């Protein structure tokens, strides 16, 4: 049914240097990465061929400043490359390599010896972001797109037994060129919230993790009403809860065996995404409640 021959040759070179100032409280790290990727595809059944080359110089700059004993500030800008994949070039239409500028500005604060907090502003500017178009059943470049937002994290160690974590990410996206300029990007929820609790006592350890993801669009047209075949439409929000409990016991010498029982999707949440590539239409249901028995031997 299919006889494909694929070749990929890639070379990456990277150089960087960290320069320190102000008694090493301020560090500046410039860097430069070179990537060269060659991909060749041949269909041995019909003789058709495809070639793709990606060659880029990717500069970057990272700055860190220890403002006080408890406050660390950082900023960075990096150029990134995602070469076109062979699976994308075998379909009709031309797809260009995906490049972007990635920027971050943030701070980490050790508010107390047991509480670590961080806040990060981020922005990603794509030149030719690659996206699968379900209506045409092929990959294409959306053109210029923008991601920006903020990420917050907190890690609090209450005592020797309990540790709590909390995270929040706000994401704002926009297509900045083409017919869908001004629309949100597909599969880009505005809100993501995470919380976790970890408990340990003697040989016992337990954890509980909760994740909330808000609704998002599944296509560049920002279709709200689901189509009859499920190829487009809004993706609803969902909650996901995972938990695990484990017990350590010695099995001789310095060896320790940990037996654990994990439950994924504890509340049996019913949520789904939409297909891509070999399954471009319809809903793709995610796993329901599942149980995992684990054994880990350290020696």
C-alpha atoms as a PDB file:
ATOM      1  CA  UNK A   1       0.000   0.000   0.000  1.00  0.00           C
ATOM      2  CA  UNK A   2       2.898   2.345   0.688  1.00  0.00           C
ATOM      3  CA  UNK A   3       6.642   2.267   0.112  1.00  0.00           C
ATOM      4  CA  UNK A   4       8.399   5.425   1.297  1.00  0.00           C
ATOM      5  CA  UNK A   5      12.093   6.180   1.659  1.00  0.00           C
ATOM      6  CA  UNK A   6      13.028   8.989   4.064  1.00  0.00           C
ATOM      7  CA  UNK A   7      16.437  10.533   4.771  1.00  0.00           C
ATOM      8  CA  UNK A   8      17.213  13.221   7.333  1.00  0.00           C
ATOM      9  CA  UNK A   9      20.643  14.735   7.934  1.00  0.00           C
ATOM     10  CA  UNK A  10      21.008  17.418  10.579  1.00  0.00           C
ATOM     11  CA  UNK A  11      23.915  19.405  11.999  1.00  0.00           C
ATOM     12  CA  UNK A  12      23.704  21.848  14.905  1.00  0.00           C
ATOM     13  CA  UNK A  13      26.543  23.967  16.308  1.00  0.00           C
ATOM     14  CA  UNK A  14      26.232  26.222  19.343  1.00  0.00           C
ATOM     15  CA  UNK A  15      28.570  28.660  21.068  1.00  0.00           C
ATOM     16  CA  UNK A  16      27.907  30.867  24.112  1.00  0.00           C
ATOM     17  CA  UNK A  17      29.819  32.810  26.732  1.00  0.00           C
ATOM     18  CA  UNK A  18      28.732  34.032  30.156  1.00  0.00           C
ATOM     19  CA  UNK A  19      30.079  37.420  31.267  1.00  0.00           C
ATOM     20  CA  UNK A  20      29.740  38.458  34.928  1.00  0.00           C
ATOM     21  CA  UNK A  21      29.530  41.935  36.437  1.00  0.00           C
ATOM     22  CA  UNK A  22      28.911  43.520  39.857  1.00  0.00           C
ATOM     23  CA  UNK A  23      30.644  40.778  41.842  1.00  0.00           C
ATOM     24  CA  UNK A  24      28.863  38.135  39.718  1.00  0.00           C
ATOM     25  CA  UNK A  25      25.405  39.414  40.647  1.00  0.00           C
ATOM     26  CA  UNK A  26      24.786  40.333  37.002  1.00  0.00           C
ATOM     27  CA  UNK A  27      25.394  37.756  34.271  1.00  0.00           C
ATOM     28  CA  UNK A  28      25.036  38.287  30.515  1.00  0.00           C
ATOM     29  CA  UNK A  29      25.112  35.272  28.195  1.00  0.00           C
ATOM     30  CA  UNK A  30      25.113  35.857  24.432  1.00  0.00           C
ATOM     31  CA  UNK A  31      24.899  32.791  22.231  1.00  0.00           C
ATOM     32  CA  UNK A  32      24.645  31.748  18.602  1.00  0.00           C
ATOM     33  CA  UNK A  33      23.297  28.476  17.217  1.00  0.00           C
ATOM     34  CA  UNK A  34      23.659  27.222  13.647  1.00  0.00           C
ATOM     35  CA  UNK A  35      21.282  24.594  12.322  1.00  0.00           C
ATOM     36  CA  UNK A  36      21.355  22.846   8.948  1.00  0.00           C
ATOM     37  CA  UNK A  37      18.704  20.206   8.243  1.00  0.00           C
ATOM     38  CA  UNK A  38      18.346  18.310   4.937  1.00  0.00           C
ATOM     39  CA  UNK A  39      15.371  16.014   4.381  1.00  0.00           C
ATOM     40  CA  UNK A  40      14.725  13.871   1.306  1.00  0.00           C
ATOM     41  CA  UNK A  41      11.572  11.896   0.542  1.00  0.00           C
ATOM     42  CA  UNK A  42      10.948   9.398  -2.240  1.00  0.00           C
ATOM     43  CA  UNK A  43       7.790   7.431  -2.990  1.00  0.00           C
ATOM     44  CA  UNK A  44       9.109   4.183  -4.452  1.00  0.00           C
ATOM     45  CA  UNK A  45       5.700   3.301  -5.899  1.00  0.00           C
ATOM     46  CA  UNK A  46       5.258   6.313  -8.159  1.00  0.00           C
ATOM     47  CA  UNK A  47       8.764   7.798  -8.160  1.00  0.00           C
ATOM     48  CA  UNK A  48       7.762  11.195  -6.760  1.00  0.00           C
ATOM     49  CA  UNK A  49      10.332  13.019  -4.610  1.00  0.00           C
ATOM     50  CA  UNK A  50      10.390  15.906  -2.146  1.00  0.00           C
ATOM     51  CA  UNK A  51      13.356  17.835  -0.746  1.00  0.00           C
ATOM     52  CA  UNK A  52      13.503  20.310   2.096  1.00  0.00           C
ATOM     53  CA  UNK A  53      16.404  22.276   3.493  1.00  0.00           C
ATOM     54  CA  UNK A  54      16.451  24.430   6.609  1.00  0.00           C
ATOM     55  CA  UNK A  55      19.559  26.504   7.330  1.00  0.00           C
ATOM     56  CA  UNK A  56      19.399  29.203   9.996  1.00  0.00           C
ATOM     57  CA  UNK A  57      21.574  31.245  12.326  1.00  0.00           C
ATOM     58  CA  UNK A  58      19.750  31.507  15.644  1.00  0.00           C
ATOM     59  CA  UNK A  59      21.065  34.190  18.044  1.00  0.00           C
ATOM     60  CA  UNK A  60      20.114  34.432  21.694  1.00  0.00           C
ATOM     61  CA  UNK A  61      20.768  36.605  24.727  1.00  0.00           C
ATOM     62  CA  UNK A  62      20.113  35.793  28.402  1.00  0.00           C
ATOM     63  CA  UNK A  63      20.491  38.242  31.300  1.00  0.00           C
ATOM     64  CA  UNK A  64      20.223  37.390  35.005  1.00  0.00           C
ATOM     65  CA  UNK A  65      20.461  39.748  37.986  1.00  0.00           C
ATOM     66  CA  UNK A  66      20.541  38.785  41.680  1.00  0.00           C
ATOM     67  CA  UNK A  67      18.904  41.988  42.941  1.00  0.00           C
ATOM     68  CA  UNK A  68      18.807  40.870  46.579  1.00  0.00           C
ATOM     69  CA  UNK A  69      19.431  37.654  48.457  1.00  0.00           C
ATOM     70  CA  UNK A  70      15.810  36.632  47.883  1.00  0.00           C
ATOM     71  CA  UNK A  71      15.029  38.260  44.493  1.00  0.00           C
ATOM     72  CA  UNK A  72      16.391  37.101  41.133  1.00  0.00           C
ATOM     73  CA  UNK A  73      15.451  38.908  37.893  1.00  0.00           C
ATOM     74  CA  UNK A  74      15.906  37.468  34.413  1.00  0.00           C
ATOM     75  CA  UNK A  75      15.272  38.301  30.768  1.00  0.00           C
ATOM     76  CA  UNK A  76      16.050  36.482  27.539  1.00  0.00           C
ATOM     77  CA  UNK A  77      15.449  36.579  23.800  1.00  0.00           C
ATOM     78  CA  UNK A  78      16.011  33.573  21.572  1.00  0.00           C
ATOM     79  CA  UNK A  79      15.521  32.817  17.894  1.00  0.00           C
ATOM     80  CA  UNK A  80      14.069  29.343  17.208  1.00  0.00           C
ATOM     81  CA  UNK A  81      13.550  27.086  14.191  1.00  0.00           C
ATOM     82  CA  UNK A  82      11.122  24.227  13.503  1.00  0.00           C
ATOM     83  CA  UNK A  83      11.935  22.627  10.130  1.00  0.00           C
ATOM     84  CA  UNK A  84       9.134  21.366   7.926  1.00  0.00           C
ATOM     85  CA  UNK A  85       8.505  17.688   8.641  1.00  0.00           C
ATOM     86  CA  UNK A  86       8.508  15.030   5.925  1.00  0.00           C
ATOM     87  CA  UNK A  87       4.883  14.124   6.740  1.00  0.00           C
ATOM     88  CA  UNK A  88       3.952  17.741   5.999  1.00  0.00           C
ATOM     89  CA  UNK A  89       5.718  17.929   2.626  1.00  0.00           C
ATOM     90  CA  UNK A  90       4.164  14.730   1.275  1.00  0.00           C
ATOM     91  CA  UNK A  91       0.768  16.440   1.059  1.00  0.00           C
ATOM     92  CA  UNK A  92      -0.270  18.931  -1.588  1.00  0.00           C
ATOM     93  CA  UNK A  93       0.771  22.560  -1.198  1.00  0.00           C
ATOM     94  CA  UNK A  94       4.019  24.180  -0.105  1.00  0.00           C
ATOM     95  CA  UNK A  95       4.980  24.603   3.552  1.00  0.00           C
ATOM     96  CA  UNK A  96       7.798  26.875   4.712  1.00  0.00           C
ATOM     97  CA  UNK A  97      10.022  26.345   7.737  1.00  0.00           C
ATOM     98  CA  UNK A  98       8.714  27.786  11.006  1.00  0.00           C
ATOM     99  CA  UNK A  99      10.829  30.439  12.731  1.00  0.00           C
ATOM    100  CA  UNK A 100      10.086  32.576  15.764  1.00  0.00           C
ATOM    101  CA  UNK A 101      11.454  35.036  18.311  1.00  0.00           C
ATOM    102  CA  UNK A 102      10.909  34.003  21.944  1.00  0.00           C
ATOM    103  CA  UNK A 103      11.083  36.619  24.721  1.00  0.00           C
ATOM    104  CA  UNK A 104      10.820  36.268  28.506  1.00  0.00           C
ATOM    105  CA  UNK A 105      10.962  38.721  31.402  1.00  0.00           C
ATOM    106  CA  UNK A 106      10.477  37.533  34.948  1.00  0.00           C
ATOM    107  CA  UNK A 107      11.423  37.237  38.586  1.00  0.00           C
ATOM    108  CA  UNK A 108      11.854  34.528  41.224  1.00  0.00           C
ATOM    109  CA  UNK A 109      11.243  35.466  44.850  1.00  0.00           C
ATOM    110  CA  UNK A 110      12.141  33.412  47.925  1.00  0.00           C
ATOM    111  CA  UNK A 111       9.488  35.139  50.057  1.00  0.00           C
ATOM    112  CA  UNK A 112      10.232  32.857  53.041  1.00  0.00           C
ATOM    113  CA  UNK A 113      12.629  29.923  53.435  1.00  0.00           C
ATOM    114  CA  UNK A 114       9.690  27.640  52.586  1.00  0.00           C
ATOM    115  CA  UNK A 115       7.891  29.684  49.891  1.00  0.00           C
ATOM    116  CA  UNK A 116       9.272  30.153  46.366  1.00  0.00           C
ATOM    117  CA  UNK A 117       7.275  32.243  43.883  1.00  0.00           C
ATOM    118  CA  UNK A 118       7.918  33.208  40.277  1.00  0.00           C
ATOM    119  CA  UNK A 119       6.276  35.406  37.638  1.00  0.00           C
ATOM    120  CA  UNK A 120       7.176  35.377  33.952  1.00  0.00           C
ATOM    121  CA  UNK A 121       5.944  37.517  31.073  1.00  0.00           C
ATOM    122  CA  UNK A 122       6.420  35.844  27.701  1.00  0.00           C
ATOM    123  CA  UNK A 123       5.913  36.625  24.040  1.00  0.00           C
ATOM    124  CA  UNK A 124       6.476  34.472  20.949  1.00  0.00           C
ATOM    125  CA  UNK A 125       6.391  36.021  17.473  1.00  0.00           C
ATOM    126  CA  UNK A 126       6.188  33.467  14.656  1.00  0.00           C
ATOM    127  CA  UNK A 127       7.066  34.311  11.064  1.00  0.00           C
ATOM    128  CA  UNK A 128       5.507  31.251   9.385  1.00  0.00           C
ATOM    129  CA  UNK A 129       3.711  29.134  11.977  1.00  0.00           C
ATOM    130  CA  UNK A 130       2.716  25.702  10.630  1.00  0.00           C
ATOM    131  CA  UNK A 131      -0.852  24.510  11.198  1.00  0.00           C
ATOM    132  CA  UNK A 132      -2.917  21.583   9.885  1.00  0.00           C
ATOM    133  CA  UNK A 133      -5.977  22.680   7.897  1.00  0.00           C
ATOM    134  CA  UNK A 134      -8.662  20.027   8.294  1.00  0.00           C
ATOM    135  CA  UNK A 135     -10.841  21.460   5.539  1.00  0.00           C
ATOM    136  CA  UNK A 136      -8.113  20.976   2.918  1.00  0.00           C
ATOM    137  CA  UNK A 137      -6.467  17.985   4.658  1.00  0.00           C
ATOM    138  CA  UNK A 138      -2.989  19.486   4.456  1.00  0.00           C
ATOM    139  CA  UNK A 139      -0.440  21.530   6.389  1.00  0.00           C
ATOM    140  CA  UNK A 140      -0.021  25.218   5.672  1.00  0.00           C
ATOM    141  CA  UNK A 141       1.627  28.317   7.066  1.00  0.00           C
ATOM    142  CA  UNK A 142      -0.656  30.629   9.008  1.00  0.00           C
ATOM    143  CA  UNK A 143       1.887  33.395   8.456  1.00  0.00           C
ATOM    144  CA  UNK A 144       2.719  35.798  11.259  1.00  0.00           C
ATOM    145  CA  UNK A 145       1.239  34.852  14.636  1.00  0.00           C
ATOM    146  CA  UNK A 146       1.715  36.068  18.182  1.00  0.00           C
ATOM    147  CA  UNK A 147       1.555  34.351  21.570  1.00  0.00           C
ATOM    148  CA  UNK A 148       1.861  36.392  24.755  1.00  0.00           C
ATOM    149  CA  UNK A 149       0.900  36.058  28.377  1.00  0.00           C
ATOM    150  CA  UNK A 150       2.019  35.529  31.943  1.00  0.00           C
ATOM    151  CA  UNK A 151       2.943  32.463  33.970  1.00  0.00           C
ATOM    152  CA  UNK A 152       2.770  32.374  37.789  1.00  0.00           C
ATOM    153  CA  UNK A 153       4.060  29.611  40.076  1.00  0.00           C
ATOM    154  CA  UNK A 154       4.192  29.094  43.836  1.00  0.00           C
ATOM    155  CA  UNK A 155       5.785  26.258  45.791  1.00  0.00           C
ATOM    156  CA  UNK A 156       5.131  26.178  49.541  1.00  0.00           C
ATOM    157  CA  UNK A 157       6.664  23.663  51.930  1.00  0.00           C
ATOM    158  CA  UNK A 158       4.336  23.777  54.940  1.00  0.00           C
ATOM    159  CA  UNK A 159       6.315  21.378  57.120  1.00  0.00           C
ATOM    160  CA  UNK A 160       8.407  18.226  56.789  1.00  0.00           C
ATOM    161  CA  UNK A 161       5.367  16.281  55.593  1.00  0.00           C
ATOM    162  CA  UNK A 162       3.336  18.643  53.367  1.00  0.00           C
ATOM    163  CA  UNK A 163       4.217  20.580  50.205  1.00  0.00           C
ATOM    164  CA  UNK A 164       1.717  22.547  48.101  1.00  0.00           C
ATOM    165  CA  UNK A 165       2.080  23.957  44.587  1.00  0.00           C
ATOM    166  CA  UNK A 166       0.013  26.327  42.477  1.00  0.00           C
ATOM    167  CA  UNK A 167       0.408  27.581  38.920  1.00  0.00           C
ATOM    168  CA  UNK A 168      -1.511  29.794  36.532  1.00  0.00           C
ATOM    169  CA  UNK A 169      -0.901  30.642  32.885  1.00  0.00           C
ATOM    170  CA  UNK A 170      -2.752  33.261  30.861  1.00  0.00           C
ATOM    171  CA  UNK A 171      -2.263  32.977  27.103  1.00  0.00           C
ATOM    172  CA  UNK A 172      -3.391  35.476  24.483  1.00  0.00           C
ATOM    173  CA  UNK A 173      -2.897  34.549  20.817  1.00  0.00           C
ATOM    174  CA  UNK A 174      -3.537  36.291  17.523  1.00  0.00           C
ATOM    175  CA  UNK A 175      -3.175  35.487  13.846  1.00  0.00           C
ATOM    176  CA  UNK A 176      -1.530  38.592  12.384  1.00  0.00           C
ATOM    177  CA  UNK A 177      -1.714  37.953   8.626  1.00  0.00           C
ATOM    178  CA  UNK A 178      -3.868  36.207   6.031  1.00  0.00           C
ATOM    179  CA  UNK A 179      -7.627  35.757   5.808  1.00  0.00           C
ATOM    180  CA  UNK A 180      -7.969  35.036   9.544  1.00  0.00           C
ATOM    181  CA  UNK A 181      -6.000  38.035  10.815  1.00  0.00           C
ATOM    182  CA  UNK A 182      -7.283  39.012  14.239  1.00  0.00           C
ATOM    183  CA  UNK A 183      -8.541  35.521  15.136  1.00  0.00           C
ATOM    184  CA  UNK A 184      -7.203  33.409  17.990  1.00  0.00           C
ATOM    185  CA  UNK A 185      -4.874  30.519  17.213  1.00  0.00           C
ATOM    186  CA  UNK A 186      -6.210  26.949  17.224  1.00  0.00           C
ATOM    187  CA  UNK A 187      -5.690  24.766  20.319  1.00  0.00           C
ATOM    188  CA  UNK A 188      -4.615  27.759  22.437  1.00  0.00           C
ATOM    189  CA  UNK A 189      -6.719  28.007  25.632  1.00  0.00           C
ATOM    190  CA  UNK A 190      -6.608  31.366  27.415  1.00  0.00           C
ATOM    191  CA  UNK A 191      -6.368  29.919  30.938  1.00  0.00           C
ATOM    192  CA  UNK A 192      -4.575  26.997  32.538  1.00  0.00           C
ATOM    193  CA  UNK A 193      -4.581  26.437  36.313  1.00  0.00           C
ATOM    194  CA  UNK A 194      -2.668  23.733  38.172  1.00  0.00           C
ATOM    195  CA  UNK A 195      -2.530  22.774  41.837  1.00  0.00           C
ATOM    196  CA  UNK A 196      -0.800  19.896  43.590  1.00  0.00           C
ATOM    197  CA  UNK A 197      -0.366  18.557  47.103  1.00  0.00           C
ATOM    198  CA  UNK A 198       2.395  16.172  48.165  1.00  0.00           C
ATOM    199  CA  UNK A 199       2.549  14.320  51.471  1.00  0.00           C
ATOM    200  CA  UNK A 200       5.276  12.115  52.914  1.00  0.00           C
ATOM    201  CA  UNK A 201       5.458  10.321  56.246  1.00  0.00           C
ATOM    202  CA  UNK A 202       8.103   7.753  57.093  1.00  0.00           C
ATOM    203  CA  UNK A 203       7.757   5.136  54.328  1.00  0.00           C
ATOM    204  CA  UNK A 204       4.574   6.578  52.823  1.00  0.00           C
ATOM    205  CA  UNK A 205       4.213   9.184  50.097  1.00  0.00           C
ATOM    206  CA  UNK A 206       1.094  10.480  48.368  1.00  0.00           C
ATOM    207  CA  UNK A 207       0.271  13.133  45.773  1.00  0.00           C
ATOM    208  CA  UNK A 208      -2.812  14.782  44.293  1.00  0.00           C
ATOM    209  CA  UNK A 209      -2.684  16.910  41.127  1.00  0.00           C
ATOM    210  CA  UNK A 210      -5.440  19.031  39.583  1.00  0.00           C
ATOM    211  CA  UNK A 211      -5.396  20.769  36.195  1.00  0.00           C
ATOM    212  CA  UNK A 212      -7.984  23.066  34.617  1.00  0.00           C
ATOM    213  CA  UNK A 213      -7.818  24.060  30.940  1.00  0.00           C
ATOM    214  CA  UNK A 214     -10.253  26.597  29.487  1.00  0.00           C
ATOM    215  CA  UNK A 215     -12.047  26.297  26.158  1.00  0.00           C
ATOM    216  CA  UNK A 216     -10.306  26.969  22.845  1.00  0.00           C
ATOM    217  CA  UNK A 217     -10.902  26.913  19.102  1.00  0.00           C
ATOM    218  CA  UNK A 218      -9.868  23.964  16.973  1.00  0.00           C
ATOM    219  CA  UNK A 219      -9.404  25.765  13.656  1.00  0.00           C
ATOM    220  CA  UNK A 220      -7.980  29.002  12.267  1.00  0.00           C
ATOM    221  CA  UNK A 221     -11.489  30.200  11.329  1.00  0.00           C
ATOM    222  CA  UNK A 222     -12.473  30.124  15.044  1.00  0.00           C
ATOM    223  CA  UNK A 223     -15.569  28.027  14.299  1.00  0.00           C
ATOM    224  CA  UNK A 224     -17.822  27.955  17.383  1.00  0.00           C
ATOM    225  CA  UNK A 225     -20.587  25.528  16.372  1.00  0.00           C
ATOM    226  CA  UNK A 226     -19.339  22.005  15.827  1.00  0.00           C
ATOM    227  CA  UNK A 227     -19.542  20.826  12.219  1.00  0.00           C
ATOM    228  CA  UNK A 228     -21.491  17.670  11.380  1.00  0.00           C
ATOM    229  CA  UNK A 229     -18.360  15.545  10.967  1.00  0.00           C
ATOM    230  CA  UNK A 230     -16.650  17.085  14.009  1.00  0.00           C
ATOM    231  CA  UNK A 231     -13.745  18.503  11.999  1.00  0.00           C
ATOM    232  CA  UNK A 232     -14.133  21.963  13.592  1.00  0.00           C
ATOM    233  CA  UNK A 233     -15.821  23.602  16.534  1.00  0.00           C
ATOM    234  CA  UNK A 234     -15.032  24.931  19.962  1.00  0.00           C
ATOM    235  CA  UNK A 235     -13.179  22.623  22.341  1.00  0.00           C
ATOM    236  CA  UNK A 236     -14.849  22.760  25.785  1.00  0.00           C
ATOM    237  CA  UNK A 237     -12.951  23.352  29.004  1.00  0.00           C
ATOM    238  CA  UNK A 238     -12.077  20.416  31.247  1.00  0.00           C
ATOM    239  CA  UNK A 239     -10.694  19.429  34.660  1.00  0.00           C
ATOM    240  CA  UNK A 240      -8.215  16.606  35.196  1.00  0.00           C
ATOM    241  CA  UNK A 241      -7.334  15.039  38.571  1.00  0.00           C
ATOM    242  CA  UNK A 242      -4.533  12.501  39.058  1.00  0.00           C
ATOM    243  CA  UNK A 243      -3.405  10.887  42.315  1.00  0.00           C
ATOM    244  CA  UNK A 244      -0.801   8.424  43.559  1.00  0.00           C
ATOM    245  CA  UNK A 245       0.125   6.692  46.815  1.00  0.00           C
ATOM    246  CA  UNK A 246       3.349   4.772  47.401  1.00  0.00           C
ATOM    247  CA  UNK A 247       5.146   2.807  50.092  1.00  0.00           C
ATOM    248  CA  UNK A 248       8.900   2.172  50.496  1.00  0.00           C
ATOM    249  CA  UNK A 249      10.308  -0.921  52.101  1.00  0.00           C
ATOM    250  CA  UNK A 250      13.824  -2.336  52.289  1.00  0.00           C
ATOM    251  CA  UNK A 251      14.554  -5.532  50.415  1.00  0.00           C
ATOM    252  CA  UNK A 252      18.068  -6.126  51.706  1.00  0.00           C
ATOM    253  CA  UNK A 253      21.255  -4.113  51.782  1.00  0.00           C
ATOM    254  CA  UNK A 254      20.813  -0.602  50.402  1.00  0.00           C
ATOM    255  CA  UNK A 255      18.030  -1.634  48.057  1.00  0.00           C
ATOM    256  CA  UNK A 256      14.627   0.017  48.442  1.00  0.00           C
ATOM    257  CA  UNK A 257      11.447  -1.084  46.685  1.00  0.00           C
ATOM    258  CA  UNK A 258       8.638   1.422  46.183  1.00  0.00           C
ATOM    259  CA  UNK A 259       5.185   0.025  45.447  1.00  0.00           C
ATOM    260  CA  UNK A 260       2.704   2.576  44.151  1.00  0.00           C
ATOM    261  CA  UNK A 261      -0.896   2.799  43.027  1.00  0.00           C
ATOM    262  CA  UNK A 262      -1.755   5.672  40.680  1.00  0.00           C
ATOM    263  CA  UNK A 263      -5.154   6.732  39.414  1.00  0.00           C
ATOM    264  CA  UNK A 264      -5.242   8.951  36.333  1.00  0.00           C
ATOM    265  CA  UNK A 265      -8.363  10.994  35.584  1.00  0.00           C
ATOM    266  CA  UNK A 266      -9.710  10.194  39.034  1.00  0.00           C
ATOM    267  CA  UNK A 267     -13.075  11.899  38.384  1.00  0.00           C
ATOM    268  CA  UNK A 268     -13.487  10.159  35.001  1.00  0.00           C
ATOM    269  CA  UNK A 269     -13.709  13.509  33.184  1.00  0.00           C
ATOM    270  CA  UNK A 270     -15.158  13.254  29.674  1.00  0.00           C
ATOM    271  CA  UNK A 271     -13.082  15.503  27.397  1.00  0.00           C
ATOM    272  CA  UNK A 272     -11.729  15.377  23.871  1.00  0.00           C
ATOM    273  CA  UNK A 273      -9.608  17.009  21.197  1.00  0.00           C
ATOM    274  CA  UNK A 274      -9.922  16.915  17.430  1.00  0.00           C
ATOM    275  CA  UNK A 275      -7.942  14.723  15.089  1.00  0.00           C
ATOM    276  CA  UNK A 276      -4.992  15.698  12.939  1.00  0.00           C
ATOM    277  CA  UNK A 277      -2.876  14.085  10.210  1.00  0.00           C
ATOM    278  CA  UNK A 278      -4.117  10.489   9.801  1.00  0.00           C
ATOM    279  CA  UNK A 279      -7.376  11.251  11.647  1.00  0.00           C
ATOM    280  CA  UNK A 280      -8.278  14.811  10.614  1.00  0.00           C
ATOM    281  CA  UNK A 281     -11.977  14.799  11.475  1.00  0.00           C
ATOM    282  CA  UNK A 282     -14.158  13.907  14.424  1.00  0.00           C
ATOM    283  CA  UNK A 283     -13.602  13.973  18.152  1.00  0.00           C
ATOM    284  CA  UNK A 284     -10.626  12.153  19.643  1.00  0.00           C
ATOM    285  CA  UNK A 285     -11.681  11.107  23.170  1.00  0.00           C
ATOM    286  CA  UNK A 286      -9.059  11.223  25.894  1.00  0.00           C
ATOM    287  CA  UNK A 287      -8.491   8.350  28.326  1.00  0.00           C
ATOM    288  CA  UNK A 288     -11.021   7.874  31.091  1.00  0.00           C
ATOM    289  CA  UNK A 289     -10.208   6.733  34.613  1.00  0.00           C
ATOM    290  CA  UNK A 290      -7.262   4.329  34.673  1.00  0.00           C
ATOM    291  CA  UNK A 291      -5.351   2.485  37.390  1.00  0.00           C
ATOM    292  CA  UNK A 292      -1.610   1.879  37.340  1.00  0.00           C
ATOM    293  CA  UNK A 293       0.292  -0.423  39.706  1.00  0.00           C
ATOM    294  CA  UNK A 294       3.960   0.526  39.869  1.00  0.00           C
ATOM    295  CA  UNK A 295       7.109  -1.014  41.303  1.00  0.00           C
ATOM    296  CA  UNK A 296      10.451   0.792  41.448  1.00  0.00           C
ATOM    297  CA  UNK A 297      13.639  -0.755  42.807  1.00  0.00           C
ATOM    298  CA  UNK A 298      16.522   1.514  43.797  1.00  0.00           C
ATOM    299  CA  UNK A 299      19.951   0.010  44.484  1.00  0.00           C
END
